[in-house]
C-alpha atoms as a PDB file:
ATOM      1  CA  MET A   1     -56.954  24.915  27.216  1.00  0.00           C
ATOM      2  CA  THR A   2     -57.005  23.405  23.550  1.00  0.00           C
ATOM      3  CA  THR A   3     -58.871  26.792  22.402  1.00  0.00           C
ATOM      4  CA  LEU A   4     -55.874  29.134  23.939  1.00  0.00           C
ATOM      5  CA  ARG A   5     -52.886  26.976  22.642  1.00  0.00           C
ATOM      6  CA  PRO A   6     -53.303  29.155  18.922  1.00  0.00           C
ATOM      7  CA  TYR A   7     -53.362  32.552  21.320  1.00  0.00           C
ATOM      8  CA  LEU A   8     -50.267  31.214  23.393  1.00  0.00           C
ATOM      9  CA  ILE A   9     -47.918  30.388  20.370  1.00  0.00           C
ATOM     10  CA  TRP A  10     -48.867  33.784  18.523  1.00  0.00           C
ATOM     11  CA  LEU A  11     -47.963  35.166  21.657  1.00  0.00           C
ATOM     12  CA  ALA A  12     -44.835  33.480  21.942  1.00  0.00           C
ATOM     13  CA  VAL A  13     -43.670  34.233  18.365  1.00  0.00           C
ATOM     14  CA  ALA A  14     -44.454  37.896  18.853  1.00  0.00           C
ATOM     15  CA  LEU A  15     -42.413  38.218  22.154  1.00  0.00           C
ATOM     16  CA  LEU A  16     -39.470  36.389  19.952  1.00  0.00           C
ATOM     17  CA  PHE A  17     -39.763  39.053  17.360  1.00  0.00           C
ATOM     18  CA  ALA A  18     -39.851  41.523  19.648  1.00  0.00           C
ATOM     19  CA  PHE A  19     -36.950  40.183  21.459  1.00  0.00           C
ATOM     20  CA  ALA A  20     -35.196  39.807  18.268  1.00  0.00           C
ATOM     21  CA  ALA A  21     -35.934  43.400  17.177  1.00  0.00           C
ATOM     22  CA  VAL A  22     -34.497  44.882  20.771  1.00  0.00           C
ATOM     23  CA  ARG A  23     -31.067  42.782  20.156  1.00  0.00           C
ATOM     24  CA  ALA A  24     -31.178  43.724  16.533  1.00  0.00           C
ATOM     25  CA  MET A  25     -31.431  47.471  17.492  1.00  0.00           C
ATOM     26  CA  GLN A  26     -28.905  47.138  20.250  1.00  0.00           C
ATOM     27  CA  TRP A  27     -26.322  45.468  17.658  1.00  0.00           C
ATOM     28  CA  VAL A  28     -27.034  48.669  15.281  1.00  0.00           C
ATOM     29  CA  ARG A  29     -26.096  51.091  18.127  1.00  0.00           C
ATOM     30  CA  GLU A  30     -23.187  49.142  18.989  1.00  0.00           C
ATOM     31  CA  HIS A  31     -21.895  48.650  15.326  1.00  0.00           C
ATOM     32  CA  PRO A  32     -22.834  51.972  13.652  1.00  0.00           C
ATOM     33  CA  GLU A  33     -19.735  51.071  10.963  1.00  0.00           C
ATOM     34  CA  HIS A  34     -21.946  48.741   9.539  1.00  0.00           C
ATOM     35  CA  VAL A  35     -24.898  51.164   9.268  1.00  0.00           C
ATOM     36  CA  PRO A  36     -25.081  53.193   6.203  1.00  0.00           C
ATOM     37  CA  GLY A  37     -27.287  56.196   7.837  1.00  0.00           C
ATOM     38  CA  ALA A  38     -25.226  56.701  10.736  1.00  0.00           C
ATOM     39  CA  ARG A  39     -22.904  59.313  10.770  1.00  0.00           C
ATOM     40  CA  PHE A  40     -19.292  58.714   9.908  1.00  0.00           C
ATOM     41  CA  GLU A  41     -16.534  58.805  13.028  1.00  0.00           C
ATOM     42  CA  LEU A  42     -12.465  58.539  11.957  1.00  0.00           C
ATOM     43  CA  ALA A  43     -12.364  56.499  15.491  1.00  0.00           C
ATOM     44  CA  HIS A  44     -14.924  53.829  14.086  1.00  0.00           C
ATOM     45  CA  PRO A  45     -13.757  50.457  12.909  1.00  0.00           C
ATOM     46  CA  GLN A  46     -14.115  49.707   9.368  1.00  0.00           C
ATOM     47  CA  GLY A  47     -17.381  47.915   8.506  1.00  0.00           C
ATOM     48  CA  TRP A  48     -19.681  47.157   5.627  1.00  0.00           C
ATOM     49  CA  ALA A  49     -20.831  50.670   5.401  1.00  0.00           C
ATOM     50  CA  THR A  50     -17.808  52.311   5.626  1.00  0.00           C
ATOM     51  CA  ARG A  51     -16.642  53.359   1.805  1.00  0.00           C
ATOM     52  CA  HIS A  52     -20.430  54.323   1.002  1.00  0.00           C
ATOM     53  CA  LYS A  53     -20.072  56.807   3.769  1.00  0.00           C
ATOM     54  CA  LEU A  54     -16.589  57.992   2.553  1.00  0.00           C
ATOM     55  CA  VAL A  55     -17.742  58.300  -0.986  1.00  0.00           C
ATOM     56  CA  ALA A  56     -21.199  60.551   0.338  1.00  0.00           C
ATOM     57  CA  LEU A  57     -18.839  62.737   2.289  1.00  0.00           C
ATOM     58  CA  ALA A  58     -17.065  63.294  -1.006  1.00  0.00           C
ATOM     59  CA  ALA A  59     -20.254  65.431  -1.699  1.00  0.00           C
ATOM     60  CA  ASP A  60     -20.920  66.948   1.727  1.00  0.00           C
ATOM     61  CA  ASP A  61     -18.077  69.333   2.580  1.00  0.00           C
ATOM     62  CA  ASP A  62     -19.717  70.135   5.964  1.00  0.00           C
ATOM     63  CA  ALA A  63     -20.404  66.407   7.202  1.00  0.00           C
ATOM     64  CA  CYS A  64     -16.801  65.876   6.366  1.00  0.00           C
ATOM     65  CA  PHE A  65     -14.788  68.574   7.677  1.00  0.00           C
ATOM     66  CA  ALA A  66     -17.212  68.001  10.829  1.00  0.00           C
ATOM     67  CA  ALA A  67     -15.867  64.404  11.193  1.00  0.00           C
ATOM     68  CA  PHE A  68     -12.099  65.538  11.185  1.00  0.00           C
ATOM     69  CA  ASP A  69     -13.413  68.226  13.685  1.00  0.00           C
ATOM     70  CA  ARG A  70     -15.189  65.730  15.844  1.00  0.00           C
ATOM     71  CA  SER A  71     -11.684  63.900  16.040  1.00  0.00           C
ATOM     72  CA  GLY A  72      -9.615  66.467  17.198  1.00  0.00           C
ATOM     73  CA  ALA A  73      -7.392  66.451  14.225  1.00  0.00           C
ATOM     74  CA  GLY A  74      -5.632  69.444  13.297  1.00  0.00           C
ATOM     75  CA  TYR A  75      -5.773  70.713   9.602  1.00  0.00           C
ATOM     76  CA  LEU A  76      -5.848  73.475   7.312  1.00  0.00           C
ATOM     77  CA  ARG A  77      -8.510  73.913   4.728  1.00  0.00           C
ATOM     78  CA  ARG A  78      -7.426  75.286   1.621  1.00  0.00           C
ATOM     79  CA  PRO A  79      -8.932  77.809  -0.778  1.00  0.00           C
ATOM     80  CA  VAL A  80     -11.525  76.369  -3.274  1.00  0.00           C
ATOM     81  CA  VAL A  81      -9.674  76.075  -6.547  1.00  0.00           C
ATOM     82  CA  GLY A  82     -11.457  75.733 -10.257  1.00  0.00           C
ATOM     83  CA  GLU A  83     -14.710  75.813 -11.298  1.00  0.00           C
ATOM     84  CA  GLY A  84     -17.481  73.615 -12.776  1.00  0.00           C
ATOM     85  CA  VAL A  85     -16.407  69.939 -13.555  1.00  0.00           C
ATOM     86  CA  CYS A  86     -12.899  71.109 -12.129  1.00  0.00           C
ATOM     87  CA  ARG A  87     -14.252  72.746  -8.699  1.00  0.00           C
ATOM     88  CA  ALA A  88     -12.342  71.467  -5.566  1.00  0.00           C
ATOM     89  CA  SER A  89     -14.019  72.558  -2.283  1.00  0.00           C
ATOM     90  CA  GLN A  90     -12.454  69.645   0.180  1.00  0.00           C
ATOM     91  CA  ARG A  91      -8.602  70.220  -0.451  1.00  0.00           C
ATOM     92  CA  MET A  92      -7.237  70.178   3.203  1.00  0.00           C
ATOM     93  CA  ILE A  93      -3.691  69.326   4.745  1.00  0.00           C
ATOM     94  CA  LEU A  94      -3.495  67.783   8.297  1.00  0.00           C
ATOM     95  CA  THR A  95      -1.038  69.543  10.351  1.00  0.00           C
ATOM     96  CA  GLY A  96       0.320  66.684  12.183  1.00  0.00           C
ATOM     97  CA  ASN A  97       0.830  62.863  11.482  1.00  0.00           C
ATOM     98  CA  ARG A  98      -1.559  61.476  14.231  1.00  0.00           C
ATOM     99  CA  LEU A  99      -3.981  60.121  11.384  1.00  0.00           C
ATOM    100  CA  VAL A 100      -2.031  60.131   8.470  1.00  0.00           C
ATOM    101  CA  PRO A 101       2.234  59.739   7.981  1.00  0.00           C
ATOM    102  CA  THR A 102       3.716  63.213   7.095  1.00  0.00           C
ATOM    103  CA  MET A 103       3.474  64.101   3.707  1.00  0.00           C
ATOM    104  CA  ARG A 104       5.999  64.394   0.980  1.00  0.00           C
ATOM    105  CA  PRO A 105       5.457  67.278  -0.336  1.00  0.00           C
ATOM    106  CA  ALA A 106       3.420  68.454   2.010  1.00  0.00           C
ATOM    107  CA  ASN A 107       1.284  70.597  -0.198  1.00  0.00           C
ATOM    108  CA  ALA A 108      -0.682  67.743  -2.214  1.00  0.00           C
ATOM    109  CA  ALA A 109      -4.047  68.951  -0.256  1.00  0.00           C
ATOM    110  CA  PRO A 110      -5.932  65.918  -1.263  1.00  0.00           C
ATOM    111  CA  GLY A 111      -9.642  66.274  -0.691  1.00  0.00           C
ATOM    112  CA  CYS A 112     -11.676  65.742   2.906  1.00  0.00           C
ATOM    113  CA  ALA A 113     -13.137  62.444   1.939  1.00  0.00           C
ATOM    114  CA  VAL A 114     -10.133  61.412   0.382  1.00  0.00           C
ATOM    115  CA  THR A 115      -7.980  62.332   3.409  1.00  0.00           C
ATOM    116  CA  ALA A 116     -10.473  60.570   5.858  1.00  0.00           C
ATOM    117  CA  ALA A 117     -10.036  57.214   3.822  1.00  0.00           C
ATOM    118  CA  MET A 118      -6.269  57.760   3.800  1.00  0.00           C
ATOM    119  CA  ALA A 119      -6.644  57.966   7.589  1.00  0.00           C
ATOM    120  CA  LEU A 120      -8.361  54.475   7.805  1.00  0.00           C
ATOM    121  CA  TRP A 121      -5.910  53.447   5.516  1.00  0.00           C
ATOM    122  CA  THR A 122      -3.022  54.051   7.508  1.00  0.00           C
ATOM    123  CA  ARG A 123      -4.532  52.517  10.646  1.00  0.00           C
ATOM    124  CA  ASP A 124      -5.982  49.628   8.949  1.00  0.00           C
ATOM    125  CA  VAL A 125      -3.684  48.744   6.161  1.00  0.00           C
ATOM    126  CA  VAL A 126      -0.702  50.716   6.095  1.00  0.00           C
ATOM    127  CA  GLN A 127       0.968  50.566   9.536  1.00  0.00           C
ATOM    128  CA  PRO A 128      -0.116  46.698  10.293  1.00  0.00           C
ATOM    129  CA  ALA A 129       1.760  45.534   7.068  1.00  0.00           C
ATOM    130  CA  ALA A 130       4.857  47.943   8.121  1.00  0.00           C
ATOM    131  CA  GLU A 131       4.795  46.208  11.315  1.00  0.00           C
ATOM    132  CA  ARG A 132       4.445  42.676   9.645  1.00  0.00           C
ATOM    133  CA  TYR A 133       7.057  42.866   7.210  1.00  0.00           C
ATOM    134  CA  PHE A 134       9.671  45.454   8.701  1.00  0.00           C
ATOM    135  CA  GLY A 135       9.109  45.866  12.664  1.00  0.00           C
ATOM    136  CA  GLN A 136       8.076  49.679  12.403  1.00  0.00           C
ATOM    137  CA  GLN A 137       5.822  52.356  11.200  1.00  0.00           C
ATOM    138  CA  VAL A 138       5.802  54.185   8.119  1.00  0.00           C
ATOM    139  CA  VAL A 139       6.667  57.982   8.915  1.00  0.00           C
ATOM    140  CA  GLU A 140       6.399  59.872   5.484  1.00  0.00           C
ATOM    141  CA  LEU A 141       4.579  58.982   2.550  1.00  0.00           C
ATOM    142  CA  GLU A 142       5.570  60.425  -0.958  1.00  0.00           C
ATOM    143  CA  ASN A 143       2.932  61.394  -3.411  1.00  0.00           C
ATOM    144  CA  LEU A 144       2.806  62.728  -7.084  1.00  0.00           C
ATOM    145  CA  GLY A 145      -0.260  65.319  -6.061  1.00  0.00           C
ATOM    146  CA  SER A 146      -3.715  65.474  -5.875  1.00  0.00           C
ATOM    147  CA  TYR A 147      -5.735  68.345  -7.885  1.00  0.00           C
ATOM    148  CA  ASN A 148      -5.386  68.252 -11.229  1.00  0.00           C
ATOM    149  CA  CYS A 149      -7.747  69.286 -13.638  1.00  0.00           C
ATOM    150  CA  ARG A 150      -7.737  66.923 -16.788  1.00  0.00           C
ATOM    151  CA  THR A 151      -9.693  63.761 -18.134  1.00  0.00           C
ATOM    152  CA  ILE A 152      -8.191  60.088 -17.562  1.00  0.00           C
ATOM    153  CA  ALA A 153      -5.208  59.233 -19.784  1.00  0.00           C
ATOM    154  CA  GLY A 154      -6.623  57.593 -23.007  1.00  0.00           C
ATOM    155  CA  SER A 155     -10.391  58.391 -22.488  1.00  0.00           C
ATOM    156  CA  ALA A 156     -12.995  61.338 -22.355  1.00  0.00           C
ATOM    157  CA  ALA A 157     -14.099  61.024 -18.635  1.00  0.00           C
ATOM    158  CA  ARG A 158     -13.008  63.320 -15.979  1.00  0.00           C
ATOM    159  CA  SER A 159     -10.435  62.318 -13.882  1.00  0.00           C
ATOM    160  CA  GLN A 160     -11.242  62.529  -9.925  1.00  0.00           C
ATOM    161  CA  HIS A 161      -8.257  64.343  -9.629  1.00  0.00           C
ATOM    162  CA  SER A 162     -10.206  67.102 -11.442  1.00  0.00           C
ATOM    163  CA  THR A 163     -11.885  67.524  -8.037  1.00  0.00           C
ATOM    164  CA  ALA A 164      -8.963  66.625  -5.658  1.00  0.00           C
ATOM    165  CA  ASN A 165     -11.195  63.517  -5.000  1.00  0.00           C
ATOM    166  CA  ALA A 166      -7.985  61.596  -5.726  1.00  0.00           C
ATOM    167  CA  ILE A 167      -4.056  61.055  -4.356  1.00  0.00           C
ATOM    168  CA  ASP A 168      -1.159  59.290  -5.784  1.00  0.00           C
ATOM    169  CA  ILE A 169       1.319  57.661  -3.589  1.00  0.00           C
ATOM    170  CA  SER A 170       4.643  56.968  -4.719  1.00  0.00           C
ATOM    171  CA  ALA A 171       6.727  55.788  -1.750  1.00  0.00           C
ATOM    172  CA  PHE A 172       6.524  55.072   1.719  1.00  0.00           C
ATOM    173  CA  ILE A 173       9.409  55.902   4.339  1.00  0.00           C
ATOM    174  CA  LEU A 174      10.218  53.889   7.360  1.00  0.00           C
ATOM    175  CA  ALA A 175      10.870  54.916  10.603  1.00  0.00           C
ATOM    176  CA  ASP A 176      14.432  53.633  10.140  1.00  0.00           C
ATOM    177  CA  GLY A 177      14.779  55.622   6.744  1.00  0.00           C
ATOM    178  CA  THR A 178      13.922  53.211   4.386  1.00  0.00           C
ATOM    179  CA  ARG A 179      12.363  53.969   1.241  1.00  0.00           C
ATOM    180  CA  ILE A 180      10.241  51.578  -0.471  1.00  0.00           C
ATOM    181  CA  ALA A 181       9.199  52.951  -4.126  1.00  0.00           C
ATOM    182  CA  LEU A 182       6.967  51.733  -6.627  1.00  0.00           C
ATOM    183  CA  ILE A 183       9.076  52.163  -9.292  1.00  0.00           C
ATOM    184  CA  ASN A 184      11.932  50.217  -7.918  1.00  0.00           C
ATOM    185  CA  ASP A 185      10.161  48.055  -5.563  1.00  0.00           C
ATOM    186  CA  TRP A 186       6.822  46.607  -6.766  1.00  0.00           C
ATOM    187  CA  GLU A 187       7.995  43.179  -8.051  1.00  0.00           C
ATOM    188  CA  PRO A 188       7.813  40.509  -5.963  1.00  0.00           C
ATOM    189  CA  GLY A 189      11.088  38.398  -4.472  1.00  0.00           C
ATOM    190  CA  ASP A 190      11.450  40.607  -1.489  1.00  0.00           C
ATOM    191  CA  ARG A 191       9.576  42.259   1.957  1.00  0.00           C
ATOM    192  CA  HIS A 192       9.242  45.230  -0.203  1.00  0.00           C
ATOM    193  CA  GLY A 193       7.813  43.967  -3.062  1.00  0.00           C
ATOM    194  CA  GLU A 194       5.349  41.730  -0.582  1.00  0.00           C
ATOM    195  CA  PHE A 195       4.502  44.872   1.633  1.00  0.00           C
ATOM    196  CA  LEU A 196       3.670  47.021  -1.475  1.00  0.00           C
ATOM    197  CA  HIS A 197       1.294  44.179  -2.915  1.00  0.00           C
ATOM    198  CA  ALA A 198      -0.069  44.128   0.883  1.00  0.00           C
ATOM    199  CA  VAL A 199      -0.755  47.542   0.785  1.00  0.00           C
ATOM    200  CA  ARG A 200      -2.720  47.572  -2.510  1.00  0.00           C
ATOM    201  CA  ASP A 201      -4.859  44.556  -1.504  1.00  0.00           C
ATOM    202  CA  GLY A 202      -5.781  45.848   1.578  1.00  0.00           C
ATOM    203  CA  SER A 203      -6.632  49.447  -0.236  1.00  0.00           C
ATOM    204  CA  CYS A 204      -9.276  47.903  -2.417  1.00  0.00           C
ATOM    205  CA  GLY A 205     -12.588  47.470   0.300  1.00  0.00           C
ATOM    206  CA  LEU A 206     -11.745  51.100   1.142  1.00  0.00           C
ATOM    207  CA  PHE A 207     -11.406  53.355  -1.605  1.00  0.00           C
ATOM    208  CA  SER A 208     -13.476  53.333  -4.974  1.00  0.00           C
ATOM    209  CA  THR A 209     -10.695  53.240  -7.061  1.00  0.00           C
ATOM    210  CA  VAL A 210      -7.188  51.398  -6.505  1.00  0.00           C
ATOM    211  CA  LEU A 211      -4.585  51.501  -9.378  1.00  0.00           C
ATOM    212  CA  SER A 212      -1.008  49.943  -9.281  1.00  0.00           C
ATOM    213  CA  PRO A 213       1.792  49.124 -11.545  1.00  0.00           C
ATOM    214  CA  ASP A 214      -0.668  45.734 -12.399  1.00  0.00           C
ATOM    215  CA  HIS A 215      -3.143  48.587 -14.158  1.00  0.00           C
ATOM    216  CA  ASN A 216      -0.962  49.979 -16.763  1.00  0.00           C
ATOM    217  CA  ALA A 217       2.481  51.423 -17.390  1.00  0.00           C
ATOM    218  CA  ALA A 218       1.103  55.183 -16.369  1.00  0.00           C
ATOM    219  CA  HIS A 219       0.966  53.775 -12.817  1.00  0.00           C
ATOM    220  CA  ALA A 220       4.365  52.166 -12.684  1.00  0.00           C
ATOM    221  CA  ASP A 221       5.466  54.514 -10.204  1.00  0.00           C
ATOM    222  CA  HIS A 222       2.277  55.105  -7.984  1.00  0.00           C
ATOM    223  CA  PHE A 223      -0.915  54.117  -6.693  1.00  0.00           C
ATOM    224  CA  HIS A 224      -3.956  55.874  -7.400  1.00  0.00           C
ATOM    225  CA  PHE A 225      -6.500  56.071  -4.742  1.00  0.00           C
ATOM    226  CA  ASP A 226     -10.060  58.011  -5.192  1.00  0.00           C
ATOM    227  CA  MET A 227     -13.829  58.217  -3.656  1.00  0.00           C
ATOM    228  CA  ALA A 228     -15.413  58.178  -7.021  1.00  0.00           C
ATOM    229  CA  ALA A 229     -19.359  57.903  -7.018  1.00  0.00           C
ATOM    230  CA  ARG A 230     -20.264  54.992  -9.156  1.00  0.00           C
ATOM    231  CA  THR A 231     -23.630  53.541 -10.180  1.00  0.00           C
ATOM    232  CA  ALA A 232     -24.367  50.756  -7.880  1.00  0.00           C
ATOM    233  CA  GLY A 233     -21.217  51.117  -5.823  1.00  0.00           C
ATOM    234  CA  TRP A 234     -19.002  49.367  -7.779  1.00  0.00           C
ATOM    235  CA  THR A 235     -15.271  49.448  -7.179  1.00  0.00           C
ATOM    236  CA  VAL A 236     -12.068  49.052  -9.314  1.00  0.00           C
ATOM    237  CA  CYS A 237      -9.080  47.260  -8.092  1.00  0.00           C
ATOM    238  CA  ARG A 238      -6.147  46.427 -10.225  1.00  0.00           C
END
């Protein structure tokens, strides 16, 4: 019996490892939102790998549009514009408001990856905040555009707007017609300001870049959101 004891111990350890491996694989199958290599789905909850997947979609047109196709979301794919560093091949307009509130103006056509991020942002950030502060939904988003072939103001670096990998949101319209605009309502002190700050804070784990009026005067009237790919995956939230 003494001779068998080490083998029995090793067998028990092996069985424990096997059990742990099976449980780990099961967990991975049940939580693909945490697995970088798992396919992105708009219906998935946000997870550890969500932003990584969205950034990857910005460089993979086919995979990004396929995610919308699988979701059953209606959209219009807009023509490719620009060339070189200003080539935008993912521009799209959603044809309904199931995933994102109606955009005003409607022709902004942000890139597919940004639109996917906006769908999760609407579901997980904007609408919960609107319900919490106002007891109703946001039905429209006013925007300042998406595609603009240019550098970042005061910098030689190329803006994410150059490939429509960004969107600027300036106001939120509630179901009762209330308009909450960054230029007028950013300063805290009432529910409007608290709502806008909650939206900004909730956006930071989803987009690669979140710039608000707290960043600089150029953003006094809008949120800038983009899905920029950066070394080591670092993000900006200001």
